[in-house]
Amino acid sequence: MGKTVVQINFRFGMTPEECTDIFKSLSESIAAVEGLLWKVWLMDTEHSEAGGIYLFTSPEAAQAYLTGPIITGLGQNPQFSDIAVKVSPIDSGLSAITRGPIDRMTA
């Protein structure tokens, strides 16, 4: 199996600044996750929604992250709700046409 994209979206029940502070405190831990190639952070302050789009080296690495302490902690925090997770394999051929950096990255 190849590289895998994970998209996580959720609502937050705090100020956007408080939410960003929490994210900043987690960012180094997330960056160190085994198998994570990159993460793009999402923040819609108008609707109190946030999340991220991640690229993992494999479905196994993605699953390990989703069952690990960072996402488990997110789910246990009452300030975060409506957590939605989508895991998808990548179509490298089509992504190359639209300049997706999928195959230019090494694990």
N, C-alpha and C. Protein backbone atom coordinates (compact mmCIF):
# COMPACT_ATOMS: atom_id res chain seq x y z
N MET A 1 0.85 -1.19 0.00
CA MET A 1 0.00 0.00 0.00
C MET A 1 0.88 1.24 0.00
N GLY A 2 0.32 2.31 -0.54
CA GLY A 2 1.09 3.53 -0.69
C GLY A 2 0.74 4.60 0.33
N LYS A 3 1.15 5.78 -0.02
CA LYS A 3 0.93 6.92 0.85
C LYS A 3 -0.57 7.13 1.08
N THR A 4 -0.90 7.69 2.23
CA THR A 4 -2.28 7.81 2.66
C THR A 4 -2.54 9.22 3.20
N VAL A 5 -3.68 9.78 2.80
CA VAL A 5 -4.11 11.09 3.31
C VAL A 5 -5.14 10.88 4.40
N VAL A 6 -5.01 11.68 5.45
CA VAL A 6 -5.99 11.71 6.52
C VAL A 6 -6.48 13.15 6.63
N GLN A 7 -7.80 13.30 6.71
CA GLN A 7 -8.38 14.61 6.97
C GLN A 7 -9.19 14.52 8.26
N ILE A 8 -8.90 15.43 9.18
CA ILE A 8 -9.61 15.50 10.45
C ILE A 8 -10.21 16.89 10.57
N ASN A 9 -11.49 16.94 10.86
CA ASN A 9 -12.18 18.21 11.10
C ASN A 9 -12.93 18.11 12.42
N PHE A 10 -13.05 19.23 13.12
CA PHE A 10 -13.78 19.25 14.38
C PHE A 10 -14.17 20.68 14.73
N ARG A 11 -15.05 20.79 15.68
CA ARG A 11 -15.46 22.10 16.21
C ARG A 11 -14.73 22.32 17.52
N PHE A 12 -14.45 23.59 17.83
CA PHE A 12 -13.80 23.90 19.10
C PHE A 12 -14.65 24.88 19.90
N GLY A 13 -14.65 24.69 21.22
CA GLY A 13 -15.47 25.49 22.12
C GLY A 13 -14.64 26.40 22.99
N MET A 14 -13.76 27.16 22.36
CA MET A 14 -12.88 28.11 23.04
C MET A 14 -12.57 29.22 22.06
N THR A 15 -11.81 30.20 22.46
CA THR A 15 -11.44 31.25 21.52
C THR A 15 -10.45 30.67 20.49
N PRO A 16 -10.41 31.25 19.30
CA PRO A 16 -9.42 30.78 18.31
C PRO A 16 -7.99 30.87 18.84
N GLU A 17 -7.71 31.89 19.65
CA GLU A 17 -6.37 32.04 20.20
C GLU A 17 -6.02 30.90 21.16
N GLU A 18 -6.99 30.52 21.99
CA GLU A 18 -6.77 29.39 22.90
C GLU A 18 -6.56 28.11 22.11
N CYS A 19 -7.34 27.94 21.07
CA CYS A 19 -7.20 26.75 20.22
C CYS A 19 -5.82 26.72 19.57
N THR A 20 -5.38 27.85 19.04
CA THR A 20 -4.06 27.94 18.41
C THR A 20 -2.96 27.64 19.42
N ASP A 21 -3.11 28.12 20.66
CA ASP A 21 -2.11 27.84 21.69
C ASP A 21 -2.00 26.34 21.94
N ILE A 22 -3.13 25.65 21.98
CA ILE A 22 -3.11 24.19 22.16
C ILE A 22 -2.40 23.54 20.98
N PHE A 23 -2.73 23.98 19.77
CA PHE A 23 -2.09 23.42 18.57
C PHE A 23 -0.58 23.65 18.59
N LYS A 24 -0.16 24.85 18.99
CA LYS A 24 1.27 25.14 19.05
C LYS A 24 1.97 24.20 20.02
N SER A 25 1.31 23.91 21.15
CA SER A 25 1.93 23.02 22.13
C SER A 25 2.05 21.59 21.61
N LEU A 26 1.20 21.21 20.65
CA LEU A 26 1.23 19.86 20.08
C LEU A 26 2.04 19.75 18.79
N SER A 27 2.39 20.87 18.19
CA SER A 27 2.94 20.85 16.83
C SER A 27 4.24 20.06 16.73
N GLU A 28 5.14 20.17 17.70
CA GLU A 28 6.40 19.42 17.64
C GLU A 28 6.15 17.92 17.79
N SER A 29 5.20 17.56 18.66
CA SER A 29 4.87 16.14 18.84
C SER A 29 4.27 15.57 17.56
N ILE A 30 3.42 16.35 16.91
CA ILE A 30 2.82 15.89 15.65
C ILE A 30 3.90 15.77 14.57
N ALA A 31 4.79 16.74 14.51
CA ALA A 31 5.86 16.71 13.50
C ALA A 31 6.75 15.49 13.67
N ALA A 32 6.85 14.97 14.90
CA ALA A 32 7.71 13.83 15.18
C ALA A 32 7.02 12.48 14.98
N VAL A 33 5.75 12.48 14.59
CA VAL A 33 5.02 11.22 14.43
C VAL A 33 5.67 10.38 13.32
N GLU A 34 5.94 9.14 13.64
CA GLU A 34 6.56 8.24 12.67
C GLU A 34 5.62 8.04 11.47
N GLY A 35 6.16 8.23 10.28
CA GLY A 35 5.39 8.03 9.06
C GLY A 35 4.66 9.26 8.57
N LEU A 36 4.68 10.36 9.32
CA LEU A 36 4.03 11.60 8.86
C LEU A 36 4.98 12.36 7.96
N LEU A 37 4.55 12.63 6.73
CA LEU A 37 5.37 13.41 5.80
C LEU A 37 5.09 14.90 5.95
N TRP A 38 3.81 15.27 6.09
CA TRP A 38 3.45 16.66 6.33
C TRP A 38 2.02 16.77 6.84
N LYS A 39 1.74 17.95 7.40
CA LYS A 39 0.39 18.28 7.84
C LYS A 39 0.11 19.72 7.45
N VAL A 40 -1.08 19.97 6.92
CA VAL A 40 -1.58 21.32 6.67
C VAL A 40 -2.66 21.57 7.72
N TRP A 41 -2.53 22.64 8.46
CA TRP A 41 -3.49 22.99 9.52
C TRP A 41 -4.65 23.76 8.93
N LEU A 42 -5.86 23.47 9.41
CA LEU A 42 -7.07 24.17 8.98
C LEU A 42 -7.66 24.93 10.16
N MET A 43 -8.09 26.19 9.95
CA MET A 43 -8.70 26.97 11.03
C MET A 43 -9.73 27.92 10.44
N ASP A 44 -10.99 27.66 10.74
CA ASP A 44 -12.10 28.52 10.33
C ASP A 44 -12.64 29.18 11.59
N THR A 45 -12.09 30.35 11.93
CA THR A 45 -12.45 31.01 13.19
C THR A 45 -13.90 31.48 13.20
N GLU A 46 -14.44 31.82 12.04
CA GLU A 46 -15.82 32.30 11.97
C GLU A 46 -16.81 31.22 12.41
N HIS A 47 -16.51 29.97 12.11
CA HIS A 47 -17.43 28.87 12.44
C HIS A 47 -16.90 27.96 13.55
N SER A 48 -15.83 28.38 14.22
CA SER A 48 -15.22 27.60 15.30
C SER A 48 -14.92 26.17 14.87
N GLU A 49 -14.33 26.05 13.69
CA GLU A 49 -13.96 24.75 13.14
C GLU A 49 -12.46 24.73 12.84
N ALA A 50 -11.86 23.58 13.06
CA ALA A 50 -10.43 23.42 12.79
C ALA A 50 -10.17 21.99 12.34
N GLY A 51 -8.93 21.73 12.02
CA GLY A 51 -8.57 20.39 11.62
C GLY A 51 -7.26 20.37 10.88
N GLY A 52 -7.06 19.32 10.10
CA GLY A 52 -5.83 19.20 9.36
C GLY A 52 -5.93 18.17 8.26
N ILE A 53 -5.03 18.32 7.32
CA ILE A 53 -4.87 17.34 6.25
C ILE A 53 -3.43 16.83 6.37
N TYR A 54 -3.29 15.52 6.45
CA TYR A 54 -2.01 14.88 6.72
C TYR A 54 -1.65 13.95 5.57
N LEU A 55 -0.36 13.82 5.31
CA LEU A 55 0.12 12.81 4.37
C LEU A 55 1.03 11.86 5.14
N PHE A 56 0.67 10.58 5.12
CA PHE A 56 1.44 9.54 5.79
C PHE A 56 2.09 8.63 4.75
N THR A 57 3.15 7.97 5.17
CA THR A 57 3.87 7.06 4.28
C THR A 57 3.08 5.81 3.96
N SER A 58 2.12 5.45 4.82
CA SER A 58 1.37 4.21 4.63
C SER A 58 0.06 4.25 5.41
N PRO A 59 -0.88 3.38 5.07
CA PRO A 59 -2.10 3.29 5.86
C PRO A 59 -1.82 2.88 7.31
N GLU A 60 -0.80 2.07 7.51
CA GLU A 60 -0.46 1.64 8.86
C GLU A 60 0.01 2.81 9.71
N ALA A 61 0.82 3.69 9.13
CA ALA A 61 1.29 4.87 9.86
C ALA A 61 0.12 5.79 10.18
N ALA A 62 -0.80 5.95 9.24
CA ALA A 62 -1.99 6.78 9.48
C ALA A 62 -2.82 6.20 10.61
N GLN A 63 -3.04 4.89 10.59
CA GLN A 63 -3.84 4.25 11.63
C GLN A 63 -3.18 4.36 12.99
N ALA A 64 -1.87 4.22 13.03
CA ALA A 64 -1.15 4.35 14.31
C ALA A 64 -1.34 5.76 14.89
N TYR A 65 -1.31 6.77 14.04
CA TYR A 65 -1.54 8.14 14.51
C TYR A 65 -2.97 8.30 15.03
N LEU A 66 -3.94 7.77 14.29
CA LEU A 66 -5.34 7.93 14.67
C LEU A 66 -5.68 7.22 15.98
N THR A 67 -4.95 6.18 16.33
CA THR A 67 -5.21 5.47 17.58
C THR A 67 -4.21 5.84 18.67
N GLY A 68 -3.32 6.78 18.37
CA GLY A 68 -2.29 7.19 19.32
C GLY A 68 -2.76 8.26 20.28
N PRO A 69 -1.85 8.75 21.12
CA PRO A 69 -2.22 9.65 22.20
C PRO A 69 -2.70 11.03 21.77
N ILE A 70 -2.23 11.54 20.65
CA ILE A 70 -2.64 12.89 20.24
C ILE A 70 -4.12 12.91 19.87
N ILE A 71 -4.54 12.01 19.01
CA ILE A 71 -5.95 11.99 18.59
C ILE A 71 -6.85 11.48 19.72
N THR A 72 -6.35 10.54 20.50
CA THR A 72 -7.13 10.08 21.66
C THR A 72 -7.39 11.26 22.61
N GLY A 73 -6.36 12.07 22.85
CA GLY A 73 -6.50 13.24 23.71
C GLY A 73 -7.48 14.26 23.14
N LEU A 74 -7.46 14.44 21.84
CA LEU A 74 -8.42 15.34 21.19
C LEU A 74 -9.84 14.89 21.48
N GLY A 75 -10.09 13.60 21.33
CA GLY A 75 -11.42 13.06 21.55
C GLY A 75 -11.87 13.13 23.00
N GLN A 76 -10.93 13.14 23.93
CA GLN A 76 -11.27 13.19 25.35
C GLN A 76 -11.44 14.60 25.88
N ASN A 77 -11.04 15.61 25.09
CA ASN A 77 -11.15 16.99 25.52
C ASN A 77 -12.55 17.50 25.22
N PRO A 78 -13.32 17.91 26.23
CA PRO A 78 -14.70 18.35 26.00
C PRO A 78 -14.80 19.65 25.20
N GLN A 79 -13.69 20.33 25.01
CA GLN A 79 -13.69 21.56 24.21
C GLN A 79 -13.70 21.29 22.70
N PHE A 80 -13.51 20.02 22.33
CA PHE A 80 -13.52 19.64 20.92
C PHE A 80 -14.69 18.69 20.68
N SER A 81 -15.44 18.93 19.61
CA SER A 81 -16.61 18.10 19.32
C SER A 81 -16.76 17.89 17.82
N ASP A 82 -17.73 17.06 17.47
CA ASP A 82 -18.03 16.78 16.06
C ASP A 82 -16.78 16.41 15.28
N ILE A 83 -15.98 15.53 15.84
CA ILE A 83 -14.73 15.11 15.22
C ILE A 83 -15.04 14.16 14.07
N ALA A 84 -14.56 14.51 12.89
CA ALA A 84 -14.77 13.69 11.69
C ALA A 84 -13.40 13.33 11.11
N VAL A 85 -13.21 12.05 10.83
CA VAL A 85 -11.94 11.56 10.29
C VAL A 85 -12.21 10.84 8.98
N LYS A 86 -11.41 11.17 7.98
CA LYS A 86 -11.51 10.48 6.69
C LYS A 86 -10.11 10.05 6.29
N VAL A 87 -9.97 8.77 5.95
CA VAL A 87 -8.69 8.21 5.52
C VAL A 87 -8.84 7.78 4.06
N SER A 88 -7.90 8.21 3.22
CA SER A 88 -8.00 7.92 1.79
C SER A 88 -6.65 7.55 1.20
N PRO A 89 -6.63 6.53 0.34
CA PRO A 89 -5.41 6.27 -0.43
C PRO A 89 -5.24 7.38 -1.46
N ILE A 90 -4.05 7.47 -2.02
CA ILE A 90 -3.71 8.54 -2.97
C ILE A 90 -3.68 8.00 -4.39
N ASP A 91 -4.16 8.79 -5.32
CA ASP A 91 -3.98 8.49 -6.74
C ASP A 91 -2.79 9.32 -7.22
N SER A 92 -1.61 8.71 -7.23
CA SER A 92 -0.38 9.43 -7.57
C SER A 92 -0.39 9.96 -8.99
N GLY A 93 -0.97 9.22 -9.92
CA GLY A 93 -1.00 9.65 -11.32
C GLY A 93 -1.77 10.94 -11.51
N LEU A 94 -2.98 10.99 -11.00
CA LEU A 94 -3.77 12.21 -11.11
C LEU A 94 -3.16 13.35 -10.30
N SER A 95 -2.61 13.03 -9.14
CA SER A 95 -1.98 14.07 -8.31
C SER A 95 -0.79 14.70 -9.03
N ALA A 96 -0.04 13.91 -9.79
CA ALA A 96 1.09 14.45 -10.54
C ALA A 96 0.62 15.46 -11.59
N ILE A 97 -0.50 15.18 -12.24
CA ILE A 97 -1.03 16.10 -13.25
C ILE A 97 -1.35 17.45 -12.65
N THR A 98 -1.87 17.45 -11.43
CA THR A 98 -2.28 18.71 -10.79
C THR A 98 -1.21 19.22 -9.81
N ARG A 99 0.00 18.76 -9.97
CA ARG A 99 1.18 19.20 -9.22
C ARG A 99 1.14 18.86 -7.74
N GLY A 100 0.42 17.82 -7.38
CA GLY A 100 0.45 17.34 -5.99
C GLY A 100 1.85 16.83 -5.68
N PRO A 101 2.43 17.18 -4.54
CA PRO A 101 3.82 16.83 -4.24
C PRO A 101 4.00 15.39 -3.77
N ILE A 102 3.08 14.53 -4.04
CA ILE A 102 3.06 13.19 -3.48
C ILE A 102 4.31 12.38 -3.80
N ASP A 103 4.67 12.26 -5.05
CA ASP A 103 5.80 11.41 -5.42
C ASP A 103 7.14 12.13 -5.38
N ARG A 104 7.15 13.40 -5.12
CA ARG A 104 8.41 14.14 -5.00
C ARG A 104 8.96 14.06 -3.59
N MET A 105 8.18 13.53 -2.67
CA MET A 105 8.59 13.44 -1.28
C MET A 105 9.10 12.05 -0.98
N THR A 106 10.09 11.96 -0.14
CA THR A 106 10.59 10.66 0.28
C THR A 106 10.18 10.41 1.72
N ALA A 107 10.04 9.16 2.05
CA ALA A 107 9.66 8.79 3.41
C ALA A 107 10.86 8.81 4.33
